[in-house]
Amino acid sequence: MKKLTLVLSLLFIATVQSFAQSAMEIHQRAILVDTHNDVLSNEQINHLDIGKLQTEGQLDLVRAKEGGLDAQVFSIWCGPQYGKGTAFRFANREIDSLYALLKRYPDKITLVRNSAELKKAVADHKFAALIGVEGGHMIEDRMDYIDSLHNRGMCYLTLTWNNSTSWATSAYEERFKHDSLTHHGLTAYGKQIVHHLNDLGVMIDLSHPSEQTFYDVLATTNKPVIASHSCAYALNPHQRNLKDAQLKALAKNGGVVFVNFYSGFIDSTYQKKAAEFRHRHRAELDSLIKIYKDEDLATDRLYAVYKSESEPMRPPLSLLIKHIDYIVKLIGADHVGIGSDFDGAESYPKGMDDVTDYPKITAELLKLNYSEKDIDKILGGNFLRVLKANTGK
């Protein structure tokens, strides 16, 4: 009996090891693209050099290689406190910081603008960097600013952040400031902007805009759109997540939703727990905000200090996989991708700590009997397709 138990144990270990090896092989063969990371926004404050291994944050080029990440769309973001005369300038400061990184590490990272350049970068064993501008307020209502950002490498424009623009309303303000909005959805000028983005080959990102803006864009665009970092509303009714009808409309358009890792978007119980945590430590959080001059970084620090409290709030990895699987079953594997929102939030699922953990997603999808072909699409193939559909190459 002891010998039989030993044999069965060894067989089990061998099976687990074989599965893990197979999952890693599939993961490494795929081109992995993440459509949303906020590290450049943080870099303006903490001045980290992500070309080297870092002990904080979720992304650097060393850990990216370990996690099999081939390409990253770097988010260019600033809050609504930046407006006309300041927002566009701040966006360019962040792009400047990416350009400086490219100059420091030319053998490791390169800027790409289309799918052909991205594939070449991967073949040349270089990390592919792309630029996504998160918030239409950064164009300051000017078409020539769109042209300028496109010339610097902008591959997508998120039409709004939480704040609406004069030409498009946001999901946040549609939910919480509905009665004070002067318009809903796209204005005539907003439709001109959509046409101009189509002409330039810049992808339109619908992760933050309101539901009305979402449908107005789909009625206007002649190119596939994306939602660069959103989840399923049916699993968590957060205003930033997409309803089933929206997901189906996105698929009909040929677009892709890139699933967000943020705990608040994947777990319907998280926001209440997070609010209670902040209330308990309000005085300390206020002090940290004065030090960091940024609430997100201050919150990250608070979570690290009180790890014994913040860790249990994190949802299981299975809940993130549930969002991916739900959307795939609803609209198909051709319309789902990865948009982590790493370096842009204070909490992610357990086991999803930084970019080295991407292989866990591949392993979990294999456990659900996803084919290698569909996993390839989700990890990066769908992004390559929609990028090519917009740029023409």
Protein backbone atom coordinates (compact mmCIF):
# COMPACT_ATOMS: atom_id res chain seq x y z
CA MET A 1 0.00 0.00 0.00
CA LYS A 2 2.85 2.40 0.85
CA LYS A 3 4.48 1.66 -2.51
CA LEU A 4 1.21 2.29 -4.34
CA THR A 5 0.74 5.59 -2.48
CA LEU A 6 4.29 6.60 -3.38
CA VAL A 7 3.76 5.74 -7.06
CA LEU A 8 0.50 7.70 -7.20
CA SER A 9 2.15 10.68 -5.50
CA LEU A 10 5.02 10.63 -7.98
CA LEU A 11 2.59 10.37 -10.90
CA PHE A 12 0.62 13.33 -9.55
CA ILE A 13 3.77 15.43 -9.16
CA ALA A 14 4.91 14.51 -12.66
CA THR A 15 1.50 15.45 -14.09
CA VAL A 16 1.54 18.82 -12.33
CA GLN A 17 5.08 19.53 -13.50
CA SER A 18 4.20 18.51 -17.07
CA PHE A 19 1.15 20.80 -17.07
CA ALA A 20 3.15 23.73 -15.71
CA GLN A 21 5.83 23.20 -18.36
CA SER A 22 3.21 23.00 -21.11
CA ALA A 23 1.51 26.19 -19.88
CA MET A 24 4.80 28.08 -19.80
CA GLU A 25 5.74 26.87 -23.28
CA ILE A 26 2.41 28.08 -24.68
CA HIS A 27 2.79 31.37 -22.81
CA GLN A 28 6.30 31.98 -24.14
CA ARG A 29 5.32 31.15 -27.72
CA ALA A 30 2.50 33.70 -27.69
CA ILE A 31 2.96 37.42 -28.27
CA LEU A 32 1.71 38.97 -25.04
CA VAL A 33 0.42 42.54 -25.19
CA ASP A 34 -0.94 44.51 -22.24
CA THR A 35 -3.00 47.51 -23.33
CA HIS A 36 -2.88 49.58 -20.15
CA ASN A 37 -0.19 50.41 -17.60
CA ASP A 38 0.17 53.70 -15.68
CA VAL A 39 3.84 53.54 -14.74
CA LEU A 40 4.70 56.72 -16.69
CA SER A 41 2.24 58.75 -14.61
CA ASN A 42 3.88 57.49 -11.43
CA GLU A 43 7.36 58.08 -12.85
CA GLN A 44 6.65 61.81 -12.86
CA ILE A 45 6.56 61.57 -9.06
CA ASN A 46 8.86 58.74 -7.98
CA HIS A 47 11.45 58.95 -10.81
CA LEU A 48 11.96 55.18 -11.01
CA ASP A 49 14.07 53.79 -13.84
CA ILE A 50 11.97 50.92 -15.18
CA GLY A 51 14.82 49.84 -17.42
CA LYS A 52 16.25 48.24 -14.28
CA LEU A 53 14.76 45.81 -11.76
CA GLN A 54 12.58 47.68 -9.26
CA THR A 55 11.32 46.67 -5.83
CA GLU A 56 8.09 48.68 -6.14
CA GLY A 57 5.43 48.98 -8.78
CA GLN A 58 4.32 46.24 -11.16
CA LEU A 59 6.43 46.82 -14.29
CA ASP A 60 10.05 47.08 -15.31
CA LEU A 61 11.88 45.62 -18.30
CA VAL A 62 13.54 42.89 -16.23
CA ARG A 63 10.30 41.55 -14.79
CA ALA A 64 8.52 42.01 -18.13
CA LYS A 65 10.91 39.52 -19.71
CA GLU A 66 10.35 37.05 -16.89
CA GLY A 67 6.57 37.31 -17.30
CA GLY A 68 6.71 36.88 -21.07
CA LEU A 69 5.39 40.39 -21.72
CA ASP A 70 6.36 41.41 -25.25
CA ALA A 71 4.56 44.72 -25.68
CA GLN A 72 3.08 47.36 -23.41
CA VAL A 73 0.77 50.24 -24.21
CA PHE A 74 1.96 52.91 -21.79
CA SER A 75 -0.87 55.11 -20.54
CA ILE A 76 -0.42 58.85 -20.84
CA TRP A 77 -2.68 60.31 -18.17
CA CYS A 78 -3.33 63.38 -16.09
CA GLY A 79 -6.29 64.23 -13.89
CA PRO A 80 -9.04 66.79 -14.54
CA GLN A 81 -7.11 69.44 -12.60
CA TYR A 82 -5.15 69.82 -15.83
CA GLY A 83 -7.15 71.70 -18.44
CA LYS A 84 -6.64 74.04 -21.36
CA GLY A 85 -3.08 75.29 -21.41
CA THR A 86 -1.76 72.55 -19.12
CA ALA A 87 -3.17 69.09 -20.03
CA PHE A 88 -1.54 68.76 -23.45
CA ARG A 89 1.79 69.95 -22.05
CA PHE A 90 1.62 67.41 -19.22
CA ALA A 91 0.82 64.61 -21.68
CA ASN A 92 3.93 65.51 -23.62
CA ARG A 93 6.02 65.45 -20.45
CA GLU A 94 5.00 61.84 -19.92
CA ILE A 95 5.77 60.98 -23.53
CA ASP A 96 9.15 62.67 -23.08
CA SER A 97 9.85 60.31 -20.16
CA LEU A 98 9.12 57.31 -22.37
CA TYR A 99 11.35 58.70 -25.10
CA ALA A 100 14.12 59.12 -22.50
CA LEU A 101 13.70 55.46 -21.51
CA LEU A 102 13.96 54.44 -25.18
CA LYS A 103 17.15 56.47 -25.51
CA ARG A 104 18.72 54.94 -22.38
CA TYR A 105 17.99 51.35 -23.40
CA PRO A 106 17.97 51.19 -27.23
CA ASP A 107 18.99 47.52 -27.20
CA LYS A 108 16.09 46.55 -24.90
CA ILE A 109 13.06 48.64 -25.89
CA THR A 110 11.73 50.31 -29.02
CA LEU A 111 8.69 52.41 -29.92
CA VAL A 112 6.26 50.75 -32.33
CA ARG A 113 3.26 52.23 -34.12
CA ASN A 114 1.63 49.29 -35.90
CA SER A 115 1.39 45.51 -35.84
CA ALA A 116 4.20 45.01 -38.36
CA GLU A 117 6.62 47.02 -36.22
CA LEU A 118 5.46 45.20 -33.10
CA LYS A 119 6.13 41.79 -34.65
CA LYS A 120 9.55 42.94 -35.82
CA ALA A 121 10.42 44.15 -32.32
CA VAL A 122 9.50 40.74 -30.89
CA ALA A 123 11.58 39.00 -33.59
CA ASP A 124 14.50 41.29 -32.70
CA HIS A 125 14.08 40.41 -28.99
CA LYS A 126 13.19 43.97 -28.04
CA PHE A 127 10.38 45.11 -25.79
CA ALA A 128 7.73 46.91 -27.85
CA ALA A 129 6.44 50.18 -26.39
CA LEU A 130 3.21 51.82 -27.55
CA ILE A 131 1.46 54.97 -26.41
CA GLY A 132 -2.17 55.27 -25.30
CA VAL A 133 -3.54 58.68 -24.26
CA GLU A 134 -6.07 58.21 -21.45
CA GLY A 135 -8.43 61.17 -21.48
CA GLY A 136 -9.75 63.39 -24.25
CA HIS A 137 -9.22 66.49 -22.11
CA MET A 138 -5.53 66.24 -23.05
CA ILE A 139 -6.26 67.31 -26.63
CA GLU A 140 -7.80 70.53 -25.23
CA ASP A 141 -10.53 70.51 -27.92
CA ARG A 142 -7.93 70.92 -30.67
CA MET A 143 -7.58 68.72 -33.76
CA ASP A 144 -3.95 69.78 -34.25
CA TYR A 145 -3.15 68.40 -30.78
CA ILE A 146 -4.51 65.04 -31.94
CA ASP A 147 -2.15 65.26 -34.91
CA SER A 148 0.78 66.09 -32.64
CA LEU A 149 0.10 63.19 -30.26
CA HIS A 150 -0.34 60.84 -33.21
CA ASN A 151 3.00 61.98 -34.64
CA ARG A 152 4.62 61.15 -31.30
CA GLY A 153 3.20 57.62 -31.38
CA MET A 154 -0.32 57.68 -29.92
CA CYS A 155 -1.95 54.37 -30.90
CA TYR A 156 -5.22 54.97 -29.03
CA LEU A 157 -7.14 57.82 -27.46
CA THR A 158 -9.46 57.12 -24.53
CA LEU A 159 -12.18 59.64 -25.38
CA THR A 160 -12.73 60.61 -21.75
CA TRP A 161 -11.29 59.77 -18.37
CA ASN A 162 -13.70 60.04 -15.41
CA ASN A 163 -14.20 63.69 -16.35
CA SER A 164 -16.32 64.51 -19.39
CA THR A 165 -15.06 66.76 -22.17
CA SER A 166 -17.01 69.43 -24.02
CA TRP A 167 -17.62 66.87 -26.77
CA ALA A 168 -18.05 63.51 -24.98
CA THR A 169 -19.52 62.43 -21.63
CA SER A 170 -17.85 60.00 -19.24
CA ALA A 171 -19.22 56.93 -17.47
CA TYR A 172 -18.41 58.44 -14.07
CA GLU A 173 -20.22 61.72 -14.65
CA GLU A 174 -23.11 59.99 -16.41
CA ARG A 175 -23.59 57.93 -13.22
CA PHE A 176 -22.87 60.53 -10.54
CA LYS A 177 -23.41 63.95 -12.19
CA HIS A 178 -26.13 63.10 -14.68
CA ASP A 179 -28.39 66.09 -14.01
CA SER A 180 -25.58 68.65 -14.23
CA LEU A 181 -24.27 67.54 -17.65
CA THR A 182 -24.89 69.97 -20.49
CA HIS A 183 -25.07 67.15 -23.04
CA HIS A 184 -25.00 63.36 -23.19
CA GLY A 185 -22.86 61.27 -25.53
CA LEU A 186 -20.96 62.70 -28.48
CA THR A 187 -21.56 66.20 -29.79
CA ALA A 188 -21.17 67.08 -33.47
CA TYR A 189 -17.56 68.05 -32.75
CA GLY A 190 -17.06 64.73 -30.98
CA LYS A 191 -18.15 62.94 -34.14
CA GLN A 192 -15.62 64.98 -36.12
CA ILE A 193 -12.94 63.82 -33.68
CA VAL A 194 -13.97 60.18 -34.20
CA HIS A 195 -13.70 60.60 -37.98
CA HIS A 196 -10.30 62.26 -37.62
CA LEU A 197 -8.99 59.45 -35.40
CA ASN A 198 -10.25 56.94 -37.98
CA ASP A 199 -8.43 58.81 -40.74
CA LEU A 200 -5.18 58.85 -38.74
CA GLY A 201 -5.44 55.17 -37.80
CA VAL A 202 -5.65 55.92 -34.07
CA MET A 203 -7.75 53.38 -32.17
CA ILE A 204 -10.73 54.74 -30.24
CA ASP A 205 -10.78 53.54 -26.62
CA LEU A 206 -14.19 53.28 -24.95
CA SER A 207 -13.17 52.16 -21.46
CA HIS A 208 -14.09 55.41 -19.68
CA PRO A 209 -16.82 57.07 -21.81
CA SER A 210 -20.51 56.88 -20.91
CA GLU A 211 -22.90 54.34 -22.36
CA GLN A 212 -24.39 57.01 -24.64
CA THR A 213 -20.94 58.02 -25.87
CA PHE A 214 -20.16 54.34 -26.41
CA TYR A 215 -23.10 53.83 -28.76
CA ASP A 216 -22.64 57.19 -30.47
CA VAL A 217 -19.07 56.19 -31.32
CA LEU A 218 -20.15 52.82 -32.72
CA ALA A 219 -22.69 54.60 -34.91
CA THR A 220 -19.96 56.97 -36.16
CA THR A 221 -16.70 55.03 -36.48
CA ASN A 222 -15.61 53.12 -39.58
CA LYS A 223 -12.89 51.21 -37.72
CA PRO A 224 -12.94 48.60 -34.93
CA VAL A 225 -12.77 50.13 -31.44
CA ILE A 226 -11.32 48.91 -28.16
CA ALA A 227 -12.04 49.05 -24.45
CA SER A 228 -8.46 49.10 -23.17
CA HIS A 229 -9.13 48.19 -19.53
CA SER A 230 -12.68 47.16 -18.59
CA CYS A 231 -14.53 44.14 -17.18
CA ALA A 232 -18.00 42.59 -17.29
CA TYR A 233 -20.84 44.64 -15.77
CA ALA A 234 -22.90 41.46 -15.32
CA LEU A 235 -20.34 40.22 -12.78
CA ASN A 236 -19.77 43.58 -11.11
CA PRO A 237 -22.13 46.50 -11.86
CA HIS A 238 -19.44 49.19 -11.74
CA GLN A 239 -19.94 52.12 -14.12
CA ARG A 240 -16.56 51.40 -15.69
CA ASN A 241 -17.56 47.89 -16.75
CA LEU A 242 -19.39 46.99 -19.96
CA LYS A 243 -22.92 45.62 -20.06
CA ASP A 244 -23.72 42.54 -22.11
CA ALA A 245 -25.37 44.62 -24.85
CA GLN A 246 -22.27 46.80 -25.07
CA LEU A 247 -20.00 43.77 -25.29
CA LYS A 248 -22.11 42.32 -28.09
CA ALA A 249 -22.09 45.64 -29.94
CA LEU A 250 -18.30 45.83 -29.52
CA ALA A 251 -17.94 42.35 -31.03
CA LYS A 252 -20.22 43.24 -33.93
CA ASN A 253 -17.95 46.22 -34.60
CA GLY A 254 -14.94 43.86 -34.69
CA GLY A 255 -13.51 45.42 -31.55
CA VAL A 256 -11.82 44.00 -28.46
CA VAL A 257 -12.32 44.42 -24.70
CA PHE A 258 -9.11 44.10 -22.69
CA VAL A 259 -9.87 42.82 -19.20
CA ASN A 260 -8.79 44.96 -16.25
CA PHE A 261 -7.11 43.38 -13.19
CA TYR A 262 -8.17 46.04 -10.64
CA SER A 263 -9.93 44.51 -7.64
CA GLY A 264 -12.62 47.20 -7.70
CA PHE A 265 -13.68 46.25 -11.22
CA ILE A 266 -13.63 42.47 -10.88
CA ASP A 267 -15.02 42.07 -7.33
CA SER A 268 -18.44 43.55 -6.45
CA THR A 269 -17.60 43.41 -2.71
CA TYR A 270 -14.29 45.25 -2.91
CA GLN A 271 -15.40 48.91 -2.96
CA LYS A 272 -17.21 48.67 0.36
CA LYS A 273 -14.23 47.00 2.04
CA ALA A 274 -11.83 49.54 0.55
CA ALA A 275 -13.98 52.46 1.77
CA GLU A 276 -14.02 51.03 5.29
CA PHE A 277 -10.23 50.57 5.18
CA ARG A 278 -9.70 54.18 4.11
CA HIS A 279 -12.08 55.41 6.81
CA ARG A 280 -10.12 53.55 9.50
CA HIS A 281 -6.86 55.13 8.35
CA ARG A 282 -8.13 58.49 7.07
CA ALA A 283 -5.71 60.65 9.07
CA GLU A 284 -2.68 58.67 7.96
CA LEU A 285 -3.87 58.62 4.34
CA ASP A 286 -4.24 62.41 4.39
CA SER A 287 -0.67 62.71 5.68
CA LEU A 288 0.64 60.41 2.95
CA ILE A 289 -1.19 62.41 0.29
CA LYS A 290 0.66 65.53 1.46
CA ILE A 291 3.96 63.66 1.18
CA TYR A 292 3.37 62.02 -2.21
CA LYS A 293 1.10 64.74 -3.60
CA ASP A 294 -0.81 61.93 -5.30
CA GLU A 295 -3.71 60.01 -3.75
CA ASP A 296 -3.10 56.81 -5.70
CA LEU A 297 0.55 56.52 -4.62
CA ALA A 298 -0.43 57.44 -1.06
CA THR A 299 -3.06 54.69 -1.08
CA ASP A 300 -0.54 52.18 -2.42
CA ARG A 301 1.76 53.05 0.48
CA LEU A 302 -1.06 52.76 3.01
CA TYR A 303 -1.94 49.31 1.69
CA ALA A 304 1.70 48.25 2.04
CA VAL A 305 1.91 49.54 5.62
CA TYR A 306 -1.27 47.72 6.64
CA LYS A 307 -0.72 44.61 4.57
CA SER A 308 -2.39 42.38 7.16
CA GLU A 309 -5.60 44.32 6.51
CA SER A 310 -5.29 44.98 2.77
CA GLU A 311 -4.30 41.46 1.69
CA PRO A 312 -7.58 39.79 2.74
CA MET A 313 -9.48 42.38 0.68
CA ARG A 314 -7.90 41.12 -2.53
CA PRO A 315 -10.19 38.85 -4.59
CA PRO A 316 -9.05 35.40 -5.71
CA LEU A 317 -7.38 35.03 -9.09
CA SER A 318 -10.32 32.85 -10.12
CA LEU A 319 -12.57 35.93 -10.17
CA LEU A 320 -10.36 37.64 -12.74
CA ILE A 321 -10.43 34.47 -14.86
CA LYS A 322 -14.21 34.42 -14.45
CA HIS A 323 -14.46 37.84 -16.13
CA ILE A 324 -12.31 36.68 -19.03
CA ASP A 325 -14.26 33.44 -19.40
CA TYR A 326 -17.63 35.18 -19.11
CA ILE A 327 -16.82 37.62 -21.91
CA VAL A 328 -15.36 34.88 -24.12
CA LYS A 329 -18.51 32.79 -23.72
CA LEU A 330 -20.67 35.84 -24.48
CA ILE A 331 -18.89 37.25 -27.55
CA GLY A 332 -16.09 34.84 -28.46
CA ALA A 333 -12.34 34.56 -28.00
CA ASP A 334 -11.74 36.92 -30.95
CA HIS A 335 -12.82 39.91 -28.87
CA VAL A 336 -10.99 39.58 -25.53
CA GLY A 337 -7.53 40.64 -24.41
CA ILE A 338 -5.40 41.77 -21.46
CA GLY A 339 -5.46 45.35 -20.09
CA SER A 340 -4.11 44.97 -16.57
CA ASP A 341 -4.18 48.57 -15.27
CA PHE A 342 -0.96 47.68 -13.44
CA ASP A 343 0.68 50.66 -11.71
CA GLY A 344 -2.68 52.39 -11.81
CA ALA A 345 -4.50 50.88 -8.82
CA GLU A 346 -3.94 49.90 -5.22
CA SER A 347 -5.20 46.32 -5.36
CA TYR A 348 -5.16 43.34 -7.70
CA PRO A 349 -6.21 39.68 -7.29
CA LYS A 350 -4.20 37.42 -5.03
CA GLY A 351 -1.29 35.96 -6.95
CA MET A 352 -1.38 38.76 -9.52
CA ASP A 353 1.28 41.00 -7.99
CA ASP A 354 3.19 42.21 -11.04
CA VAL A 355 4.04 41.40 -14.65
CA THR A 356 5.87 38.20 -13.70
CA ASP A 357 2.47 36.66 -12.90
CA TYR A 358 0.97 36.75 -16.42
CA PRO A 359 1.77 33.03 -16.98
CA LYS A 360 -0.82 32.21 -14.32
CA ILE A 361 -3.54 33.46 -16.66
CA THR A 362 -2.37 31.09 -19.39
CA ALA A 363 -2.31 28.20 -16.93
CA GLU A 364 -5.83 28.96 -15.68
CA LEU A 365 -7.22 29.20 -19.21
CA LEU A 366 -5.64 25.84 -20.04
CA LYS A 367 -7.39 24.35 -17.01
CA LEU A 368 -10.66 25.57 -18.55
CA ASN A 369 -9.75 23.71 -21.76
CA TYR A 370 -8.99 26.79 -23.83
CA SER A 371 -7.11 25.93 -26.99
CA GLU A 372 -3.63 27.31 -27.63
CA LYS A 373 -5.10 29.19 -30.60
CA ASP A 374 -7.63 31.00 -28.43
CA ILE A 375 -5.06 31.70 -25.71
CA ASP A 376 -2.80 33.27 -28.35
CA LYS A 377 -5.68 35.53 -29.41
CA ILE A 378 -6.42 36.63 -25.84
CA LEU A 379 -2.78 37.26 -24.93
CA GLY A 380 -1.98 39.39 -27.95
CA GLY A 381 -3.38 38.19 -31.24
CA ASN A 382 -6.59 40.18 -30.95
CA PHE A 383 -4.65 43.37 -30.23
CA LEU A 384 -2.49 42.84 -33.29
CA ARG A 385 -5.62 42.34 -35.40
CA VAL A 386 -7.44 45.47 -34.22
CA LEU A 387 -4.27 47.56 -34.43
CA LYS A 388 -3.73 46.47 -38.03
CA ALA A 389 -7.39 47.14 -38.86
CA ASN A 390 -6.90 50.73 -37.69
CA THR A 391 -3.42 51.51 -39.03
CA GLY A 392 -3.57 49.42 -42.20
CA LYS A 393 -0.31 47.61 -41.41
